[in-house]
């Protein structure tokens, strides 16, 4: 299983076609929802409501880091 860590200011996480979509200033990439065990979000990142609901449905840990 995979842990997603978003720690770059301005990066965002959303869901598209059953995959998490990670967008940064430089690139965009996708990770299948069923492969993710946890998501760590640092300050300055964004997450959609759909990500939170998908994480709950798939029992994925969603962690908000302060540092």
C-alpha atoms as a PDB file:
ATOM      1  CA  UNK A   1       0.000   0.000   0.000  1.00  0.00           C
ATOM      2  CA  UNK A   2       1.018   3.567  -0.677  1.00  0.00           C
ATOM      3  CA  UNK A   3       1.251   6.649   1.518  1.00  0.00           C
ATOM      4  CA  UNK A   4       0.646   9.952  -0.288  1.00  0.00           C
ATOM      5  CA  UNK A   5       2.435  12.951   1.194  1.00  0.00           C
ATOM      6  CA  UNK A   6       1.575  16.427  -0.059  1.00  0.00           C
ATOM      7  CA  UNK A   7       4.094  18.869   1.334  1.00  0.00           C
ATOM      8  CA  UNK A   8       4.673  21.326  -1.497  1.00  0.00           C
ATOM      9  CA  UNK A   9       2.870  24.635  -1.048  1.00  0.00           C
ATOM     10  CA  UNK A  10       0.183  25.056  -3.689  1.00  0.00           C
ATOM     11  CA  UNK A  11      -0.187  21.342  -4.438  1.00  0.00           C
ATOM     12  CA  UNK A  12      -3.674  19.859  -4.479  1.00  0.00           C
ATOM     13  CA  UNK A  13      -5.352  16.493  -4.225  1.00  0.00           C
ATOM     14  CA  UNK A  14      -8.620  15.563  -5.915  1.00  0.00           C
ATOM     15  CA  UNK A  15     -10.369  12.468  -7.273  1.00  0.00           C
ATOM     16  CA  UNK A  16     -10.876  11.746 -10.958  1.00  0.00           C
ATOM     17  CA  UNK A  17     -12.045   8.488 -12.570  1.00  0.00           C
ATOM     18  CA  UNK A  18     -11.382   6.389  -9.463  1.00  0.00           C
ATOM     19  CA  UNK A  19      -7.871   7.770  -9.009  1.00  0.00           C
ATOM     20  CA  UNK A  20      -6.356  10.395  -6.775  1.00  0.00           C
ATOM     21  CA  UNK A  21      -5.079  13.294  -8.856  1.00  0.00           C
ATOM     22  CA  UNK A  22      -2.052  15.098  -7.434  1.00  0.00           C
ATOM     23  CA  UNK A  23      -1.256  18.468  -8.966  1.00  0.00           C
ATOM     24  CA  UNK A  24       1.828  20.557  -8.309  1.00  0.00           C
ATOM     25  CA  UNK A  25       3.193  23.571 -10.148  1.00  0.00           C
ATOM     26  CA  UNK A  26       5.428  21.329 -12.228  1.00  0.00           C
ATOM     27  CA  UNK A  27       3.309  18.255 -12.943  1.00  0.00           C
ATOM     28  CA  UNK A  28       0.182  16.223 -12.501  1.00  0.00           C
ATOM     29  CA  UNK A  29      -0.023  12.513 -11.778  1.00  0.00           C
ATOM     30  CA  UNK A  30      -2.567   9.885 -10.755  1.00  0.00           C
ATOM     31  CA  UNK A  31      -2.632   7.088  -8.173  1.00  0.00           C
ATOM     32  CA  UNK A  32      -5.380   4.428  -8.012  1.00  0.00           C
ATOM     33  CA  UNK A  33      -7.559   4.979  -4.934  1.00  0.00           C
ATOM     34  CA  UNK A  34      -7.452   1.325  -3.869  1.00  0.00           C
ATOM     35  CA  UNK A  35      -3.629   1.392  -3.544  1.00  0.00           C
ATOM     36  CA  UNK A  36      -3.491   4.240  -0.989  1.00  0.00           C
ATOM     37  CA  UNK A  37      -3.413   3.427   2.733  1.00  0.00           C
ATOM     38  CA  UNK A  38      -2.855   6.959   4.062  1.00  0.00           C
ATOM     39  CA  UNK A  39      -2.683  10.583   2.938  1.00  0.00           C
ATOM     40  CA  UNK A  40      -0.603  13.216   4.744  1.00  0.00           C
ATOM     41  CA  UNK A  41      -1.367  16.882   4.023  1.00  0.00           C
ATOM     42  CA  UNK A  42       0.956  19.686   5.085  1.00  0.00           C
ATOM     43  CA  UNK A  43       0.137  23.387   5.318  1.00  0.00           C
ATOM     44  CA  UNK A  44      -0.388  25.228   2.055  1.00  0.00           C
ATOM     45  CA  UNK A  45      -1.917  22.211   0.290  1.00  0.00           C
ATOM     46  CA  UNK A  46      -5.518  21.700  -0.775  1.00  0.00           C
ATOM     47  CA  UNK A  47      -7.826  18.715  -0.705  1.00  0.00           C
ATOM     48  CA  UNK A  48     -11.316  18.370  -2.176  1.00  0.00           C
ATOM     49  CA  UNK A  49     -14.410  17.210  -0.329  1.00  0.00           C
ATOM     50  CA  UNK A  50     -14.510  14.227  -2.679  1.00  0.00           C
ATOM     51  CA  UNK A  51     -11.064  13.147  -1.430  1.00  0.00           C
ATOM     52  CA  UNK A  52     -12.282  13.143   2.169  1.00  0.00           C
ATOM     53  CA  UNK A  53     -15.383  11.118   1.282  1.00  0.00           C
ATOM     54  CA  UNK A  54     -13.365   8.665  -0.834  1.00  0.00           C
ATOM     55  CA  UNK A  55     -10.841   8.228   1.980  1.00  0.00           C
ATOM     56  CA  UNK A  56     -13.660   7.415   4.407  1.00  0.00           C
ATOM     57  CA  UNK A  57     -15.235   4.931   1.987  1.00  0.00           C
ATOM     58  CA  UNK A  58     -11.901   3.127   1.462  1.00  0.00           C
ATOM     59  CA  UNK A  59     -10.811   3.350   5.122  1.00  0.00           C
ATOM     60  CA  UNK A  60      -7.827   5.481   4.142  1.00  0.00           C
ATOM     61  CA  UNK A  61      -6.189   7.528   6.913  1.00  0.00           C
ATOM     62  CA  UNK A  62      -6.274  11.268   6.218  1.00  0.00           C
ATOM     63  CA  UNK A  63      -3.711  13.128   8.321  1.00  0.00           C
ATOM     64  CA  UNK A  64      -3.191  16.874   8.594  1.00  0.00           C
ATOM     65  CA  UNK A  65       0.394  17.704   9.558  1.00  0.00           C
ATOM     66  CA  UNK A  66       1.377  20.993  11.149  1.00  0.00           C
ATOM     67  CA  UNK A  67       5.113  20.650  10.507  1.00  0.00           C
END
